[in-house]
Protein backbone atom coordinates (compact mmCIF):
# COMPACT_ATOMS: atom_id res chain seq x y z
CA MET A 1 7.64 23.47 17.67
CA GLY A 2 8.99 24.33 21.12
CA ASP A 3 11.39 22.52 23.43
CA THR A 4 8.65 21.01 25.57
CA GLU A 5 9.19 17.40 26.53
CA GLN A 6 7.47 14.90 24.25
CA GLN A 7 6.77 11.27 25.07
CA ILE A 8 7.87 8.92 22.32
CA VAL A 9 5.82 5.74 22.26
CA PRO A 10 6.52 2.43 20.53
CA GLU A 11 5.53 1.94 16.89
CA THR A 12 2.30 0.26 17.97
CA PRO A 13 0.62 2.61 20.49
CA ASP A 14 -1.85 1.47 23.12
CA THR A 15 -5.27 2.92 22.34
CA ASN A 16 -6.15 2.74 26.02
CA THR A 17 -3.55 5.38 26.93
CA PRO A 18 -4.87 8.66 25.48
CA GLU A 19 -2.00 10.52 27.11
CA ALA A 20 0.38 8.89 24.64
CA LYS A 21 2.04 11.26 22.20
CA ILE A 22 3.73 10.80 18.88
CA SER A 23 7.35 11.72 18.38
CA LEU A 24 8.50 15.20 17.41
CA GLU A 25 9.77 13.79 14.13
CA LYS A 26 6.36 12.36 13.22
CA GLN A 27 4.64 15.59 14.24
CA ASP A 28 6.95 17.54 11.94
CA ILE A 29 6.23 15.13 9.08
CA ILE A 30 2.46 15.46 9.56
CA GLU A 31 2.60 19.27 9.73
CA SER A 32 4.66 19.27 6.55
CA ALA A 33 2.22 16.85 4.88
CA VAL A 34 -0.67 19.23 5.54
CA ILE A 35 1.26 22.13 4.00
CA PHE A 36 2.23 19.95 1.04
CA ALA A 37 -1.37 18.82 0.50
CA ASP A 38 -2.54 22.43 0.62
CA TYR A 39 -0.12 23.53 -2.09
CA LEU A 40 -0.66 20.37 -4.15
CA THR A 41 -4.44 20.65 -4.27
CA SER A 42 -4.25 24.37 -4.97
CA ARG A 43 -1.98 23.64 -7.92
CA PHE A 44 -3.99 20.58 -9.02
CA PRO A 45 -7.61 21.05 -7.84
CA GLN A 46 -9.38 17.93 -6.66
CA VAL A 47 -12.75 19.25 -7.78
CA ASP A 48 -13.81 21.04 -10.97
CA ASN A 49 -16.93 23.14 -11.20
CA ILE A 50 -18.45 22.31 -14.57
CA PRO A 51 -21.52 23.37 -16.56
CA VAL A 52 -23.66 20.22 -16.49
CA PRO A 53 -25.22 20.44 -20.00
CA THR A 54 -21.82 20.56 -21.72
CA ILE A 55 -19.95 17.67 -20.13
CA ASP A 56 -20.58 13.95 -20.36
CA ALA A 57 -18.03 11.52 -18.89
CA ASP A 58 -18.40 7.99 -20.24
CA LYS A 59 -16.20 5.07 -21.22
CA GLU A 60 -15.10 6.91 -24.35
CA GLY A 61 -14.09 10.01 -22.44
CA VAL A 62 -15.50 13.48 -22.00
CA LYS A 63 -17.60 14.76 -24.88
CA ASP A 64 -18.86 18.27 -25.54
CA ARG A 65 -22.63 18.26 -25.99
CA ALA A 66 -23.27 21.92 -26.67
CA GLN A 67 -21.27 24.89 -27.82
CA GLU A 68 -23.50 27.47 -26.13
CA LEU A 69 -24.75 27.24 -22.57
CA PRO A 70 -28.46 27.63 -21.85
CA GLU A 71 -29.40 30.33 -19.39
CA ASP A 72 -30.50 27.75 -16.81
CA THR A 73 -27.18 25.87 -16.89
CA GLN A 74 -26.17 24.56 -13.48
CA ILE A 75 -22.57 24.63 -12.34
CA MET A 76 -21.85 21.35 -10.57
CA PRO A 77 -18.74 20.01 -8.82
CA MET A 78 -16.90 17.10 -10.44
CA LEU A 79 -14.30 15.05 -8.58
CA ASN A 80 -10.94 14.83 -10.36
CA TYR A 81 -8.96 12.61 -8.00
CA TYR A 82 -8.53 11.66 -4.38
CA LEU A 83 -5.42 11.09 -2.31
CA ALA A 84 -4.32 7.65 -1.11
CA GLY A 85 -1.41 6.07 0.74
CA SER A 86 0.51 7.69 3.57
CA LEU A 87 -0.57 11.23 2.69
CA ALA A 88 -4.23 10.26 3.01
CA ILE A 89 -3.62 8.66 6.41
CA MET A 90 -1.75 11.72 7.68
CA LEU A 91 -4.59 14.02 6.62
CA LEU A 92 -7.10 11.69 8.26
CA ALA A 93 -5.03 11.85 11.45
CA GLN A 94 -5.53 15.62 11.54
CA ALA A 95 -9.30 15.59 11.03
CA GLU A 96 -11.96 15.37 13.72
CA GLN A 97 -14.44 13.69 11.38
CA PHE A 98 -14.86 12.53 7.81
CA THR A 99 -17.78 12.46 5.40
CA GLU A 100 -18.31 9.58 3.01
CA VAL A 101 -18.55 10.76 -0.59
CA THR A 102 -19.91 9.10 -3.70
CA GLY A 103 -16.92 9.10 -6.04
CA SER A 104 -18.95 8.55 -9.21
CA ASP A 105 -18.43 10.11 -12.62
CA GLU A 106 -21.80 11.83 -12.59
CA PRO A 107 -22.00 15.59 -11.88
CA GLY A 108 -22.17 16.49 -8.23
CA VAL A 109 -20.01 15.37 -5.32
CA LYS A 110 -22.69 13.63 -3.28
CA GLU A 111 -22.06 13.44 0.45
CA GLY A 112 -23.24 10.65 2.72
CA GLU A 113 -22.70 9.73 6.36
CA THR A 114 -20.34 11.74 8.56
CA ARG A 115 -18.37 9.76 11.14
CA PRO A 116 -16.32 11.15 14.06
CA ILE A 117 -12.64 10.38 14.61
CA SER A 118 -11.68 10.12 18.27
CA GLU A 119 -8.46 11.54 19.68
CA GLY A 120 -7.16 8.04 20.40
CA THR A 121 -7.85 6.98 16.82
CA ARG A 122 -6.07 10.07 15.47
CA LEU A 123 -3.01 9.20 17.56
CA ILE A 124 -2.91 5.70 16.11
CA LEU A 125 -3.24 7.08 12.58
CA ALA A 126 -0.53 9.66 13.30
CA SER A 127 1.86 6.85 14.20
CA PHE A 128 1.83 5.94 10.48
CA ALA A 129 3.50 9.26 9.62
CA ARG A 130 6.49 8.66 7.39
CA PRO A 131 8.24 10.51 4.56
CA VAL A 132 6.44 10.03 1.25
CA GLY A 133 8.45 8.62 -1.64
CA ASP A 134 5.69 8.69 -4.27
CA LEU A 135 2.45 10.64 -4.31
CA ASP A 136 -0.33 8.02 -4.45
CA TYR A 137 -3.63 9.18 -5.86
CA VAL A 138 -6.67 7.67 -7.57
CA ALA A 139 -8.00 9.39 -10.68
CA THR A 140 -11.71 9.33 -11.45
CA GLU A 141 -12.82 8.32 -14.94
CA TYR A 142 -13.72 11.97 -15.53
CA TYR A 143 -10.11 13.02 -14.78
CA ARG A 144 -8.65 10.19 -16.88
CA ALA A 145 -10.88 11.20 -19.78
CA ARG A 146 -9.61 14.77 -19.58
CA MET A 147 -6.03 13.49 -19.60
CA ARG A 148 -6.75 11.36 -22.66
CA ARG A 149 -8.07 14.42 -24.44
CA VAL A 150 -4.83 16.27 -23.69
CA GLN A 151 -2.84 13.38 -25.17
CA GLU A 152 -4.87 13.65 -28.37
CA PHE A 153 -3.20 17.01 -29.00
CA TYR A 154 0.27 15.43 -29.20
CA LYS A 155 1.95 16.52 -32.47
CA LYS A 156 -1.18 18.48 -33.39
CA ILE A 157 -0.11 21.68 -31.66
CA GLU A 158 3.19 23.37 -30.81
CA ILE A 159 5.23 21.31 -28.34
CA LYS A 160 5.45 24.24 -25.92
CA GLU A 161 1.67 24.58 -25.85
CA TYR A 162 1.27 20.81 -25.44
CA ARG A 163 3.64 20.78 -22.47
CA GLN A 164 1.74 23.65 -20.88
CA MET A 165 -1.47 21.64 -21.20
CA ARG A 166 0.15 18.61 -19.58
CA GLU A 167 1.41 20.66 -16.64
CA ASN A 168 -2.16 21.02 -15.40
CA TYR A 169 -2.47 17.30 -14.65
CA LEU A 170 -0.86 14.69 -12.41
CA TRP A 171 0.86 12.30 -14.82
CA LYS A 172 2.66 9.14 -13.76
CA GLY A 173 6.36 9.75 -13.19
CA GLY A 174 7.94 13.13 -12.62
CA GLY A 175 5.34 15.64 -11.46
CA PRO A 176 5.75 19.22 -10.28
CA THR A 177 9.22 20.38 -9.29
CA PHE A 178 10.29 20.61 -5.67
CA GLU A 179 10.95 24.31 -6.26
CA GLU A 180 7.20 24.90 -6.64
CA PHE A 181 6.67 24.10 -2.95
CA PRO A 182 7.87 25.93 0.17
CA GLU A 183 10.65 24.30 2.17
CA GLU A 184 8.33 23.38 5.04
CA ALA A 185 6.21 21.33 2.61
CA LEU A 186 9.20 19.22 1.58
CA ILE A 187 9.96 17.75 5.02
CA CYS A 188 7.38 15.02 4.38
CA LEU A 189 8.95 13.98 1.06
CA VAL A 190 11.76 11.59 0.17
CA ARG A 191 14.10 13.27 -2.30
CA GLY A 192 17.00 11.73 -4.19
CA GLU A 193 20.26 13.63 -4.58
CA GLU A 194 19.62 14.50 -8.22
CA GLN A 195 15.82 14.36 -8.10
CA THR A 196 14.14 17.58 -9.21
CA ARG A 197 10.52 16.49 -9.47
CA ILE A 198 8.03 14.85 -7.12
CA MET A 199 7.27 11.30 -8.18
CA ILE A 200 3.60 10.73 -9.03
CA ASP A 201 2.07 7.26 -8.77
CA PRO A 202 -1.56 6.91 -9.92
CA VAL A 203 -2.91 3.80 -8.19
CA GLU A 204 -5.69 1.47 -9.26
CA ALA A 205 -8.99 1.24 -7.42
CA TYR A 206 -10.90 -1.99 -7.89
CA GLY A 207 -14.64 -1.53 -8.09
CA PRO A 208 -16.30 1.78 -7.14
CA ASN A 209 -14.34 4.76 -5.88
CA LEU A 210 -14.62 4.83 -2.07
CA VAL A 211 -13.96 8.43 -1.09
CA ALA A 212 -14.05 10.53 2.07
CA LYS A 213 -13.95 14.27 2.57
CA VAL A 214 -11.95 15.64 5.49
CA VAL A 215 -11.41 19.20 6.65
CA VAL A 216 -7.95 20.12 7.92
CA ASP A 217 -7.09 23.70 8.85
CA GLU A 218 -10.40 24.81 7.31
CA LYS A 219 -9.59 23.28 3.90
CA GLU A 220 -11.41 20.34 2.31
CA TYR A 221 -9.50 17.33 1.01
CA TYR A 222 -10.72 14.20 -0.73
CA ILE A 223 -8.98 11.01 0.35
CA ALA A 224 -9.52 7.26 0.22
CA ARG A 225 -12.27 6.22 2.63
CA PRO A 226 -10.88 4.76 5.88
CA ASP A 227 -12.45 1.33 5.35
CA ALA A 228 -10.94 1.25 1.85
CA ILE A 229 -7.53 2.19 3.26
CA PHE A 230 -7.81 -0.83 5.56
CA THR A 231 -8.99 -3.15 2.79
CA TYR A 232 -6.15 -2.24 0.45
CA LYS A 233 -3.75 -2.88 3.33
CA VAL A 234 -5.29 -6.37 3.55
CA LEU A 235 -4.87 -6.86 -0.21
CA HIS A 236 -1.22 -5.76 -0.09
CA LEU A 237 -0.67 -8.07 2.89
CA LEU A 238 -2.09 -11.01 0.95
CA GLN A 239 0.01 -10.15 -2.09
CA GLY A 240 3.35 -9.95 -0.31
CA TYR A 241 3.22 -10.76 3.41
CA GLU A 242 6.31 -12.96 3.23
CA HIS A 243 8.48 -10.05 2.10
CA LYS A 244 7.82 -7.82 5.15
CA PRO A 245 6.14 -9.92 7.86
CA GLU A 246 7.12 -7.75 10.82
CA LYS A 247 5.98 -4.55 9.12
CA PHE A 248 2.67 -6.08 8.05
CA ASN A 249 2.09 -7.44 11.56
CA ALA A 250 2.61 -4.01 13.14
CA ASP A 251 0.75 -2.05 10.47
CA PHE A 252 -2.26 -4.37 10.49
CA SER A 253 -2.56 -4.26 14.26
CA LYS A 254 -2.48 -0.46 14.35
CA LEU A 255 -4.72 0.13 11.38
CA PHE A 256 -7.28 -2.49 12.41
CA SER A 257 -7.57 -1.00 15.90
CA ALA A 258 -8.02 2.50 14.44
CA ILE A 259 -10.52 1.69 11.69
CA LYS A 260 -12.62 -0.47 14.05
CA GLU A 261 -13.38 2.76 15.91
CA MET A 262 -15.11 4.03 12.75
CA TYR A 263 -16.59 0.86 11.22
CA SER A 264 -17.78 -2.43 12.68
CA GLU A 265 -15.77 -5.60 12.00
CA ASP A 266 -18.67 -6.91 9.92
CA ASP A 267 -18.59 -3.74 7.81
CA LEU A 268 -14.84 -4.13 7.31
CA LEU A 269 -15.28 -7.77 6.32
CA LYS A 270 -17.98 -6.79 3.83
CA ILE A 271 -15.94 -4.08 2.11
CA THR A 272 -12.85 -6.31 2.10
CA LEU A 273 -14.80 -9.05 0.33
CA GLN A 274 -16.17 -6.53 -2.16
CA ILE A 275 -12.76 -5.14 -3.11
CA LEU A 276 -11.12 -8.58 -3.23
CA SER A 277 -13.92 -9.77 -5.51
CA ASP A 278 -13.50 -6.70 -7.74
CA TYR A 279 -9.73 -7.28 -7.78
CA GLU A 280 -10.24 -10.91 -8.82
CA ALA A 281 -12.61 -9.85 -11.59
CA ALA A 282 -10.11 -7.27 -12.86
CA MET A 283 -7.28 -9.83 -12.90
CA LYS A 284 -9.45 -12.32 -14.76
CA ALA A 285 -10.47 -9.70 -17.32
CA THR A 286 -6.81 -8.82 -17.91
CA HIS A 287 -5.96 -12.51 -18.32
CA MET A 288 -8.73 -13.01 -20.88
CA ARG A 289 -7.64 -9.95 -22.86
CA LEU A 290 -4.08 -11.28 -22.99
CA ASN A 291 -5.40 -14.66 -24.12
CA THR A 292 -7.15 -12.89 -26.98
CA VAL A 293 -4.07 -10.87 -27.92
CA TYR A 294 -1.75 -13.88 -27.90
CA ASN A 295 -4.35 -16.35 -29.22
CA SER A 296 -4.00 -18.46 -26.09
CA ASP A 297 -6.45 -20.64 -24.19
CA GLU A 298 -4.48 -20.72 -20.92
CA PRO A 299 -6.97 -21.11 -18.06
CA TYR A 300 -7.23 -18.41 -15.44
CA GLU A 301 -5.90 -19.27 -11.99
CA HIS A 302 -7.75 -17.45 -9.23
CA ARG A 303 -5.42 -15.09 -7.37
CA VAL A 304 -7.18 -14.37 -4.07
CA PRO A 305 -7.65 -17.98 -2.85
CA ALA A 306 -3.97 -18.65 -3.60
CA PHE A 307 -2.92 -15.48 -1.76
CA ILE A 308 -5.03 -16.44 1.25
CA LYS A 309 -3.65 -19.97 1.45
CA ARG A 310 -0.06 -18.77 1.17
CA THR A 311 -0.60 -16.19 3.91
CA LEU A 312 -2.34 -18.60 6.29
CA ASP A 313 0.47 -21.13 5.77
CA ASN A 314 2.99 -18.55 6.98
CA GLN A 315 3.80 -19.13 10.65
CA SER A 316 4.76 -15.48 11.20
CA ILE A 317 1.25 -14.06 10.99
CA THR A 318 -0.31 -12.87 14.22
CA PRO A 319 -3.47 -14.47 15.69
CA GLU A 320 -5.33 -11.25 14.85
CA ILE A 321 -4.38 -11.41 11.17
CA ARG A 322 -5.10 -15.15 11.03
CA GLU A 323 -8.58 -14.72 12.48
CA PHE A 324 -9.53 -11.94 10.05
CA ILE A 325 -8.07 -13.70 6.99
CA GLN A 326 -9.84 -16.93 7.91
CA ARG A 327 -13.14 -15.04 8.05
CA VAL A 328 -12.33 -13.60 4.62
CA GLN A 329 -11.43 -17.06 3.32
CA ASN A 330 -14.61 -18.73 4.56
CA THR A 331 -16.90 -16.08 3.12
CA PHE A 332 -14.96 -15.43 -0.10
CA LEU A 333 -14.79 -19.11 -1.08
CA ALA A 334 -18.47 -19.58 -0.29
CA GLU A 335 -19.39 -16.63 -2.51
CA GLU A 336 -17.11 -17.89 -5.30
CA GLU A 337 -18.82 -21.30 -5.23
CA ASN A 338 -22.25 -19.69 -5.50
CA GLN A 339 -21.34 -17.72 -8.61
């Protein structure tokens, strides 16, 4: 970076002023994030190339189906995980377009529609640049199955060999050491005084995996799809708006304005309703399992309608948030009644 003058704009940039620039600090964080993502995905590949006849990912895990490969065996890509959170947004801010990907557990990373990302949208996304405390990622069922198989070797092999096997995966908690990354890759990370390892935080995706492929500096990355990034921001807002109202107000305004450049408001409403419905179903399933474990008949109280009411009752929400949440409320409750 040189000493050229940079214009620092407020936290919520105006999309109608394309001449706006992000701060030097945020630029440095984004550049570091790209370097970090490069090293991370080289160390922990996001895609495996597998022989199709020998691998089957199902609810029980990955099973070997043949010891010897036929001559006509196809080698197909299999998605291990995709990045989420701030790192995903920073990578998206550096891409000129993204391609929607089917994040299923069947062989083959199937690509769908490619959508452009305008310069103004990238500037808005870049304004989200911030040091990363935890690495958020979503594991596919295929990747989780492989991790379960590693765990099956616990106490069955030498501890040194078992640890070496575990080092090839992103486990929750302490991940790779900071020493494994160049200094310029660490600028984007939050590091405690005595912290030696990067904190890994596998996050839950409700419903199908919504994935996008971006290309940054000629390298492919798999991240959460932009509309899913927005929807999970809405879910987090509903879960805890009262704790950080000013932050949620600013973040929603920026993210909504950016994602609307890629998807229509109706599309965003549709995917928001889908994920909220999948979240509700997951919470209900967990409640019923606990009832079974503890021999209880406690009725399930729906989460999403309660979240929505609590948020709409808060006088700090902006008109923009209120309008969108009311649209969610009207449609969500109508769909719930029809089920």
